[in-house]
Amino acid sequence: MAGGLKRVLGATPSWRRRGAAIALVVGVIVLHGWVTQGVMDGLAGAAADRDLPARMEVAYVRQMELTAPPPTAAPAAPPAPPPAAVAPRPRRPKPAKPASAPEPRREVEPVVVAEAASAPVAEAAVEVEATAPAASVTEPSEQVAAAAPPAPAASGGGAPFEWPASTRMSYVLTGNYRGEVSGTAQVEWIRIGSRYQVHVDFVVGPSFAPLITQRSSSDGEITAAGLAPRRYDQDIKFLTKTRPRQTILFDAGGVVLANGDVRPSLPGLQDTASQFVQLTYVFSTRPEMLKVGGSVDIPLALPKKVAVWTYDVVEEETLNTSFGPITGIHLKPRNPDQKAGSLSVEMWMSPQLRYLPVRLRFEQDAQTYVDLMIAKPPEIQ
């Protein structure tokens, strides 16, 4: 009895030691698997990064200055008032002269009376010129010349378009994702020679522990018809989970989408990052397209499809920024094929900042969106 109890009591520490050893082994296996997976993910990410175009680097040395918005239409000149009627001056009686010096006889010049006030300005000017004595004929007045309609502008907006220097725009981010969120974002346009890159980055949450980080990059060439993307990449990370990279490849023979499908290309085809700068080009060369009530079409290559998106010009707004009020022209997408829950982008382009986007709103639904408002004047090369 005593011996049996002793054996039982003596066995207890052994089982404890074995349980601890087993737990340690399991912990080591789990840790090893986690580290191994992390290393494999890191190697896969490094291999994928090697395929990415090298990010072009430039130095930003000054800020873009606000300019006056260009007029959408030349204001009509007010009609010139008709020339005032000329009345004869009363003659003062002259003192009588001695009989020895008779007054010489003079011819009375005719008096010209202008047309009535209801006559058109141009007709009045012609009538005055036709009936006036030769000595009084002059060139048309500046007021009459200003009333003439302005000469039509040259097609293409006159001066050739000059692409903006490399520009970095910084934004304050607000929104909602399972509750209110905040963060920062930036859009960077880089050009060196005929090559360009556009990077759209935003961080939701604090920078030291972000909830979501996303980077979208477009790499391509600058052509006479605007931007020609060659590659688009998008990376999204939720907390510690990274989604697989989505890549779109552009070629003259077609477009390879992120899901591997091949679609025919379209003239002027853009990606979701390059579209912002392409619209800057479109509105700079054709500002009449930004009239409220109008619309602009832009073909887009999305991860799973190629479609033509229509942006309606909704209204012209005054946006209150940290550096003062600026004009923003609100564009809202209209796509009848858009599925519920898919991402859409609204934008506000400012004619005071070369039609660059001063506000962006990415929305999935009413409860899931981020809103970017420009935080400071754009930095330029």
Protein backbone atom coordinates (compact mmCIF):
# COMPACT_ATOMS: atom_id res chain seq x y z
CA MET A 1 0.00 0.00 0.00
CA ALA A 2 2.67 2.42 0.98
CA GLY A 3 4.82 1.33 -1.89
CA GLY A 4 1.97 1.71 -4.37
CA LEU A 5 1.25 5.22 -3.13
CA LYS A 6 4.90 6.07 -3.37
CA ARG A 7 4.99 4.87 -6.94
CA VAL A 8 1.96 7.00 -7.81
CA LEU A 9 3.34 10.06 -6.10
CA GLY A 10 6.70 9.48 -7.68
CA ALA A 11 5.14 9.22 -11.13
CA THR A 12 3.40 12.60 -10.92
CA PRO A 13 6.45 14.79 -11.53
CA SER A 14 7.43 12.59 -14.46
CA TRP A 15 4.11 13.13 -16.23
CA ARG A 16 4.37 16.85 -15.59
CA ARG A 17 7.80 16.90 -17.12
CA ARG A 18 6.57 14.95 -20.13
CA GLY A 19 3.60 17.30 -20.61
CA ALA A 20 5.88 20.30 -20.47
CA ALA A 21 8.23 18.70 -22.95
CA ILE A 22 5.36 17.95 -25.34
CA ALA A 23 4.08 21.52 -25.07
CA LEU A 24 7.56 22.81 -25.77
CA VAL A 25 7.89 20.61 -28.85
CA VAL A 26 4.50 21.75 -30.16
CA GLY A 27 5.44 25.39 -29.54
CA VAL A 28 8.72 24.95 -31.38
CA ILE A 29 6.94 23.33 -34.33
CA VAL A 30 4.37 26.15 -34.50
CA LEU A 31 7.07 28.80 -34.19
CA HIS A 32 9.18 27.07 -36.81
CA GLY A 33 6.24 26.88 -39.18
CA TRP A 34 5.40 30.55 -38.62
CA VAL A 35 8.99 31.61 -39.21
CA THR A 36 9.24 29.37 -42.24
CA GLN A 37 6.04 30.80 -43.70
CA GLY A 38 7.26 34.30 -43.00
CA VAL A 39 10.56 33.59 -44.72
CA MET A 40 8.75 32.05 -47.70
CA ASP A 41 6.40 35.03 -47.93
CA GLY A 42 9.38 37.35 -47.71
CA LEU A 43 11.21 35.47 -50.46
CA ALA A 44 8.07 35.47 -52.63
CA GLY A 45 7.65 39.19 -52.00
CA ALA A 46 11.30 39.83 -52.82
CA ALA A 47 10.96 37.84 -56.05
CA ALA A 48 7.84 39.82 -56.96
CA ASP A 49 9.54 43.10 -56.11
CA ARG A 50 12.34 42.26 -58.51
CA ASP A 51 9.76 42.34 -61.31
CA LEU A 52 8.57 45.82 -60.39
CA PRO A 53 9.94 48.78 -62.35
CA ALA A 54 12.47 50.69 -60.27
CA ARG A 55 10.81 53.67 -58.62
CA MET A 56 12.07 56.91 -60.12
CA GLU A 57 13.37 59.40 -57.58
CA VAL A 58 13.32 63.19 -57.85
CA ALA A 59 13.88 66.10 -55.45
CA TYR A 60 11.02 68.48 -54.68
CA VAL A 61 12.36 71.98 -54.13
CA ARG A 62 9.41 74.37 -54.31
CA GLN A 63 5.65 74.68 -54.01
CA MET A 64 3.19 75.15 -56.83
CA GLU A 65 1.56 78.57 -56.76
CA LEU A 66 -2.17 79.11 -57.15
CA THR A 67 -3.26 80.65 -60.43
CA ALA A 68 -6.47 82.40 -61.38
CA PRO A 69 -9.04 80.00 -62.84
CA PRO A 70 -9.29 80.44 -66.62
CA PRO A 71 -12.64 81.88 -67.77
CA THR A 72 -15.00 79.29 -69.19
CA ALA A 73 -16.37 81.86 -71.68
CA ALA A 74 -15.39 85.38 -72.62
CA PRO A 75 -17.84 87.82 -71.01
CA ALA A 76 -19.87 89.88 -73.46
CA ALA A 77 -18.81 93.50 -73.71
CA PRO A 78 -21.51 95.99 -72.71
CA PRO A 79 -23.05 97.85 -75.66
CA ALA A 80 -21.46 101.16 -76.40
CA PRO A 81 -23.70 104.19 -75.88
CA PRO A 82 -24.55 106.08 -79.07
CA PRO A 83 -22.62 109.27 -79.77
CA ALA A 84 -24.17 112.29 -78.13
CA ALA A 85 -26.09 114.64 -80.34
CA VAL A 86 -24.14 117.70 -81.38
CA ALA A 87 -26.07 120.91 -80.84
CA PRO A 88 -25.06 124.26 -82.34
CA ARG A 89 -23.34 126.59 -79.93
CA PRO A 90 -25.08 129.90 -79.34
CA ARG A 91 -23.14 132.74 -80.91
CA ARG A 92 -22.17 135.65 -78.76
CA PRO A 93 -23.01 139.03 -80.22
CA LYS A 94 -19.94 140.83 -81.39
CA PRO A 95 -19.42 144.54 -80.75
CA ALA A 96 -20.19 146.81 -83.63
CA LYS A 97 -17.20 147.97 -85.65
CA PRO A 98 -16.63 151.31 -87.28
CA ALA A 99 -18.15 151.81 -90.73
CA SER A 100 -14.66 152.10 -92.12
CA ALA A 101 -13.95 148.45 -91.25
CA PRO A 102 -16.88 146.28 -92.40
CA GLU A 103 -17.07 142.71 -90.98
CA PRO A 104 -15.99 140.04 -93.49
CA ARG A 105 -18.66 137.54 -94.51
CA ARG A 106 -18.11 133.87 -93.33
CA GLU A 107 -19.68 130.58 -94.46
CA VAL A 108 -21.58 128.62 -91.75
CA GLU A 109 -20.36 124.97 -91.49
CA PRO A 110 -23.08 122.28 -91.51
CA VAL A 111 -23.93 120.67 -88.15
CA VAL A 112 -23.91 116.83 -87.98
CA VAL A 113 -26.64 115.25 -85.85
CA ALA A 114 -26.13 111.63 -84.73
CA GLU A 115 -28.72 108.88 -85.04
CA ALA A 116 -31.32 108.35 -82.32
CA ALA A 117 -30.36 106.44 -79.18
CA SER A 118 -32.35 103.41 -80.34
CA ALA A 119 -30.15 102.86 -83.42
CA PRO A 120 -27.51 100.09 -83.31
CA VAL A 121 -23.99 101.21 -82.42
CA ALA A 122 -22.45 99.96 -85.65
CA GLU A 123 -25.07 101.74 -87.80
CA ALA A 124 -24.57 104.96 -85.86
CA ALA A 125 -20.84 104.81 -86.44
CA VAL A 126 -21.32 104.30 -90.18
CA GLU A 127 -23.84 107.14 -90.42
CA VAL A 128 -21.54 109.51 -88.56
CA GLU A 129 -18.65 108.63 -90.85
CA ALA A 130 -20.76 109.03 -93.98
CA THR A 131 -22.18 112.44 -93.13
CA ALA A 132 -19.27 114.08 -91.34
CA PRO A 133 -17.02 116.55 -93.09
CA ALA A 134 -13.80 115.11 -94.44
CA ALA A 135 -11.69 116.82 -91.77
CA SER A 136 -13.58 115.02 -88.97
CA VAL A 137 -13.32 111.40 -90.27
CA THR A 138 -11.37 109.25 -87.75
CA GLU A 139 -10.75 105.54 -86.99
CA PRO A 140 -13.49 103.67 -85.01
CA SER A 141 -13.30 104.35 -81.31
CA GLU A 142 -11.88 101.78 -78.85
CA GLN A 143 -15.34 101.34 -77.36
CA VAL A 144 -16.88 100.36 -80.70
CA ALA A 145 -13.99 97.97 -81.40
CA ALA A 146 -14.44 96.31 -77.98
CA ALA A 147 -18.07 95.61 -78.76
CA ALA A 148 -17.09 93.39 -81.70
CA PRO A 149 -17.15 89.63 -81.01
CA PRO A 150 -13.74 88.15 -80.10
CA ALA A 151 -11.91 86.13 -82.69
CA PRO A 152 -12.40 82.38 -82.28
CA ALA A 153 -9.65 80.61 -80.34
CA ALA A 154 -7.34 78.29 -82.16
CA SER A 155 -8.22 74.61 -81.94
CA GLY A 156 -6.43 72.73 -79.19
CA GLY A 157 -6.48 75.66 -76.78
CA GLY A 158 -3.76 77.78 -78.38
CA ALA A 159 -0.35 77.20 -76.81
CA PRO A 160 0.86 73.58 -76.81
CA PHE A 161 0.33 71.64 -73.60
CA GLU A 162 3.30 71.37 -71.27
CA TRP A 163 3.26 68.45 -68.86
CA PRO A 164 3.64 69.43 -65.21
CA ALA A 165 7.03 68.94 -63.62
CA SER A 166 7.29 66.06 -61.16
CA THR A 167 4.70 66.81 -58.48
CA ARG A 168 3.86 65.40 -55.07
CA MET A 169 0.46 66.06 -53.52
CA SER A 170 -0.20 65.33 -49.84
CA TYR A 171 -3.64 64.69 -48.36
CA VAL A 172 -5.40 64.33 -45.04
CA LEU A 173 -7.42 61.11 -44.96
CA THR A 174 -10.75 60.64 -43.21
CA GLY A 175 -13.37 57.98 -43.68
CA ASN A 176 -15.20 54.98 -42.30
CA TYR A 177 -14.11 51.34 -42.11
CA ARG A 178 -15.90 49.51 -39.31
CA GLY A 179 -15.91 52.90 -37.58
CA GLU A 180 -14.34 56.28 -38.17
CA VAL A 181 -10.76 56.20 -39.47
CA SER A 182 -8.08 58.75 -40.27
CA GLY A 183 -4.69 58.73 -41.91
CA THR A 184 -2.56 60.26 -44.65
CA ALA A 185 -2.17 59.85 -48.39
CA GLN A 186 -0.21 61.18 -51.34
CA VAL A 187 -0.31 61.18 -55.12
CA GLU A 188 3.04 61.47 -56.84
CA TRP A 189 3.56 62.24 -60.53
CA ILE A 190 7.13 61.69 -61.74
CA ARG A 191 8.43 62.26 -65.24
CA ILE A 192 11.93 61.90 -66.64
CA GLY A 193 12.15 62.48 -70.36
CA SER A 194 9.28 60.63 -72.04
CA ARG A 195 8.84 58.15 -69.19
CA TYR A 196 6.43 58.65 -66.30
CA GLN A 197 5.29 57.05 -63.06
CA VAL A 198 2.20 57.76 -60.96
CA HIS A 199 2.05 56.49 -57.37
CA VAL A 200 -1.08 56.65 -55.20
CA ASP A 201 -0.38 55.73 -51.56
CA PHE A 202 -2.58 55.91 -48.51
CA VAL A 203 -2.32 54.75 -44.91
CA VAL A 204 -5.43 54.21 -42.79
CA GLY A 205 -4.76 54.46 -39.09
CA PRO A 206 -1.61 55.58 -37.23
CA SER A 207 1.61 55.36 -39.22
CA PHE A 208 3.27 53.13 -36.56
CA ALA A 209 0.40 50.59 -36.60
CA PRO A 210 -1.72 51.11 -39.74
CA LEU A 211 -4.97 49.24 -40.27
CA ILE A 212 -4.72 49.39 -44.05
CA THR A 213 -1.94 50.40 -46.40
CA GLN A 214 -2.35 50.55 -50.16
CA ARG A 215 -0.07 51.49 -53.02
CA SER A 216 -1.11 51.76 -56.65
CA SER A 217 1.58 52.46 -59.27
CA SER A 218 1.44 53.15 -62.99
CA ASP A 219 4.53 53.05 -65.21
CA GLY A 220 4.55 54.05 -68.87
CA GLU A 221 5.35 56.56 -71.59
CA ILE A 222 4.26 60.10 -72.42
CA THR A 223 2.92 60.37 -75.97
CA ALA A 224 1.32 63.05 -78.13
CA ALA A 225 -2.11 61.67 -77.15
CA GLY A 226 -1.38 61.61 -73.42
CA LEU A 227 -0.21 58.83 -71.11
CA ALA A 228 0.36 55.30 -72.38
CA PRO A 229 0.62 52.91 -69.40
CA ARG A 230 2.84 49.85 -69.72
CA ARG A 231 2.29 48.30 -66.27
CA TYR A 232 0.05 48.78 -63.26
CA ASP A 233 0.59 47.27 -59.80
CA GLN A 234 -1.54 47.39 -56.67
CA ASP A 235 -0.59 46.17 -53.19
CA ILE A 236 -2.99 46.14 -50.21
CA LYS A 237 -2.20 45.12 -46.64
CA PHE A 238 -4.78 44.67 -43.87
CA LEU A 239 -3.02 44.68 -40.50
CA THR A 240 -0.53 41.82 -40.95
CA LYS A 241 -2.25 40.16 -43.90
CA THR A 242 -1.02 41.07 -47.37
CA ARG A 243 -3.21 40.44 -50.37
CA PRO A 244 -1.60 39.03 -53.52
CA ARG A 245 -0.33 41.76 -55.79
CA GLN A 246 -2.58 42.70 -58.69
CA THR A 247 -0.70 43.47 -61.90
CA ILE A 248 -2.00 44.66 -65.28
CA LEU A 249 0.27 44.58 -68.33
CA PHE A 250 -0.40 46.81 -71.35
CA ASP A 251 0.70 45.94 -74.85
CA ALA A 252 -0.22 46.96 -78.36
CA GLY A 253 -1.70 43.52 -78.92
CA GLY A 254 -3.91 43.56 -75.83
CA VAL A 255 -4.11 43.93 -72.06
CA VAL A 256 -3.27 41.15 -69.60
CA LEU A 257 -5.49 41.66 -66.55
CA ALA A 258 -4.70 40.72 -62.97
CA ASN A 259 -6.74 37.51 -63.25
CA GLY A 260 -4.79 36.43 -66.35
CA ASP A 261 -7.50 37.27 -68.89
CA VAL A 262 -6.44 39.01 -72.09
CA ARG A 263 -8.60 41.82 -73.42
CA PRO A 264 -8.23 44.01 -76.52
CA SER A 265 -6.82 47.45 -75.85
CA LEU A 266 -8.72 50.70 -76.40
CA PRO A 267 -7.43 54.08 -77.63
CA GLY A 268 -6.34 56.18 -74.66
CA LEU A 269 -6.65 53.27 -72.22
CA GLN A 270 -5.61 54.16 -68.65
CA ASP A 271 -5.34 52.47 -65.27
CA THR A 272 -6.81 53.68 -61.99
CA ALA A 273 -3.62 55.58 -61.06
CA SER A 274 -2.74 57.18 -64.41
CA GLN A 275 -6.31 58.40 -64.97
CA PHE A 276 -5.82 61.33 -62.58
CA VAL A 277 -2.95 62.80 -64.58
CA GLN A 278 -4.53 61.89 -67.93
CA LEU A 279 -7.60 63.92 -66.95
CA THR A 280 -5.26 66.80 -66.07
CA TYR A 281 -4.04 66.64 -69.67
CA VAL A 282 -7.59 66.43 -71.07
CA PHE A 283 -8.93 69.38 -69.07
CA SER A 284 -5.86 71.53 -69.70
CA THR A 285 -6.21 71.14 -73.45
CA ARG A 286 -10.03 71.19 -73.50
CA PRO A 287 -11.24 73.19 -70.47
CA GLU A 288 -14.72 73.47 -71.98
CA MET A 289 -15.26 69.83 -71.01
CA LEU A 290 -15.40 70.89 -67.35
CA LYS A 291 -18.65 72.80 -67.75
CA VAL A 292 -21.22 71.76 -65.17
CA GLY A 293 -23.69 69.36 -66.75
CA GLY A 294 -21.12 67.91 -69.14
CA SER A 295 -19.28 64.61 -68.97
CA VAL A 296 -16.02 62.98 -69.99
CA ASP A 297 -15.36 59.36 -70.97
CA ILE A 298 -12.16 57.55 -70.09
CA PRO A 299 -11.37 53.89 -70.85
CA LEU A 300 -10.00 52.06 -67.80
CA ALA A 301 -8.21 48.74 -67.35
CA LEU A 302 -9.41 47.28 -64.04
CA PRO A 303 -8.09 44.09 -62.40
CA LYS A 304 -10.85 41.97 -63.95
CA LYS A 305 -12.20 43.96 -66.91
CA VAL A 306 -11.73 46.76 -69.40
CA ALA A 307 -14.53 49.33 -69.45
CA VAL A 308 -15.26 52.92 -70.47
CA TRP A 309 -16.08 55.04 -67.43
CA THR A 310 -18.09 58.22 -67.69
CA TYR A 311 -17.47 61.04 -65.24
CA ASP A 312 -20.26 63.60 -64.93
CA VAL A 313 -19.33 67.19 -64.12
CA VAL A 314 -21.59 67.68 -61.10
CA GLU A 315 -20.80 71.15 -59.76
CA GLU A 316 -18.13 73.74 -59.06
CA GLU A 317 -17.37 74.02 -55.36
CA THR A 318 -15.20 76.09 -53.04
CA LEU A 319 -13.02 73.80 -50.94
CA ASN A 320 -11.66 75.17 -47.68
CA THR A 321 -8.08 73.96 -47.27
CA SER A 322 -5.35 74.65 -44.75
CA PHE A 323 -3.82 77.16 -47.18
CA GLY A 324 -7.03 78.92 -48.15
CA PRO A 325 -10.13 78.39 -50.28
CA ILE A 326 -9.63 76.89 -53.74
CA THR A 327 -11.95 75.96 -56.58
CA GLY A 328 -12.74 72.29 -57.10
CA ILE A 329 -14.80 70.93 -59.98
CA HIS A 330 -16.60 67.79 -58.83
CA LEU A 331 -16.54 64.74 -61.11
CA LYS A 332 -18.72 61.75 -60.25
CA PRO A 333 -18.48 58.37 -62.01
CA ARG A 334 -21.47 56.97 -63.87
CA ASN A 335 -21.09 53.32 -64.81
CA PRO A 336 -24.30 51.32 -65.36
CA ASP A 337 -22.35 48.03 -65.20
CA GLN A 338 -20.86 48.78 -61.78
CA LYS A 339 -21.76 46.07 -59.27
CA ALA A 340 -22.88 46.86 -55.74
CA GLY A 341 -19.90 46.92 -53.40
CA SER A 342 -17.30 47.64 -56.09
CA LEU A 343 -14.95 50.57 -55.63
CA SER A 344 -15.69 53.94 -57.24
CA VAL A 345 -13.68 57.15 -57.22
CA GLU A 346 -15.00 60.71 -57.15
CA MET A 347 -12.58 63.56 -57.76
CA TRP A 348 -12.38 67.33 -57.51
CA MET A 349 -10.04 68.92 -60.08
CA SER A 350 -8.79 72.46 -59.47
CA PRO A 351 -8.17 74.87 -62.37
CA GLN A 352 -6.06 76.90 -59.91
CA LEU A 353 -3.60 74.01 -59.58
CA ARG A 354 -3.27 72.88 -63.21
CA TYR A 355 -6.41 70.72 -62.97
CA LEU A 356 -4.75 68.35 -60.49
CA PRO A 357 -7.00 66.39 -58.07
CA VAL A 358 -7.31 68.37 -54.83
CA ARG A 359 -9.85 65.98 -53.32
CA LEU A 360 -10.48 62.26 -53.89
CA ARG A 361 -13.14 59.99 -52.46
CA PHE A 362 -12.81 56.20 -52.73
CA GLU A 363 -16.11 54.54 -51.87
CA GLN A 364 -17.20 50.90 -51.69
CA ASP A 365 -20.51 51.60 -50.01
CA ALA A 366 -22.04 54.20 -47.70
CA GLN A 367 -20.26 52.68 -44.68
CA THR A 368 -16.89 51.95 -46.32
CA TYR A 369 -15.02 54.88 -47.83
CA VAL A 370 -11.99 57.14 -47.50
CA ASP A 371 -11.92 60.84 -48.33
CA LEU A 372 -8.68 62.61 -49.21
CA MET A 373 -8.41 66.41 -48.92
CA ILE A 374 -5.28 68.25 -50.02
CA ALA A 375 -3.20 69.19 -46.99
CA LYS A 376 -0.73 71.73 -48.43
CA PRO A 377 0.26 73.23 -51.78
CA PRO A 378 1.70 70.65 -54.18
CA GLU A 379 5.47 70.20 -54.11
CA ILE A 380 7.17 70.35 -57.49
CA GLN A 381 10.57 69.57 -58.87
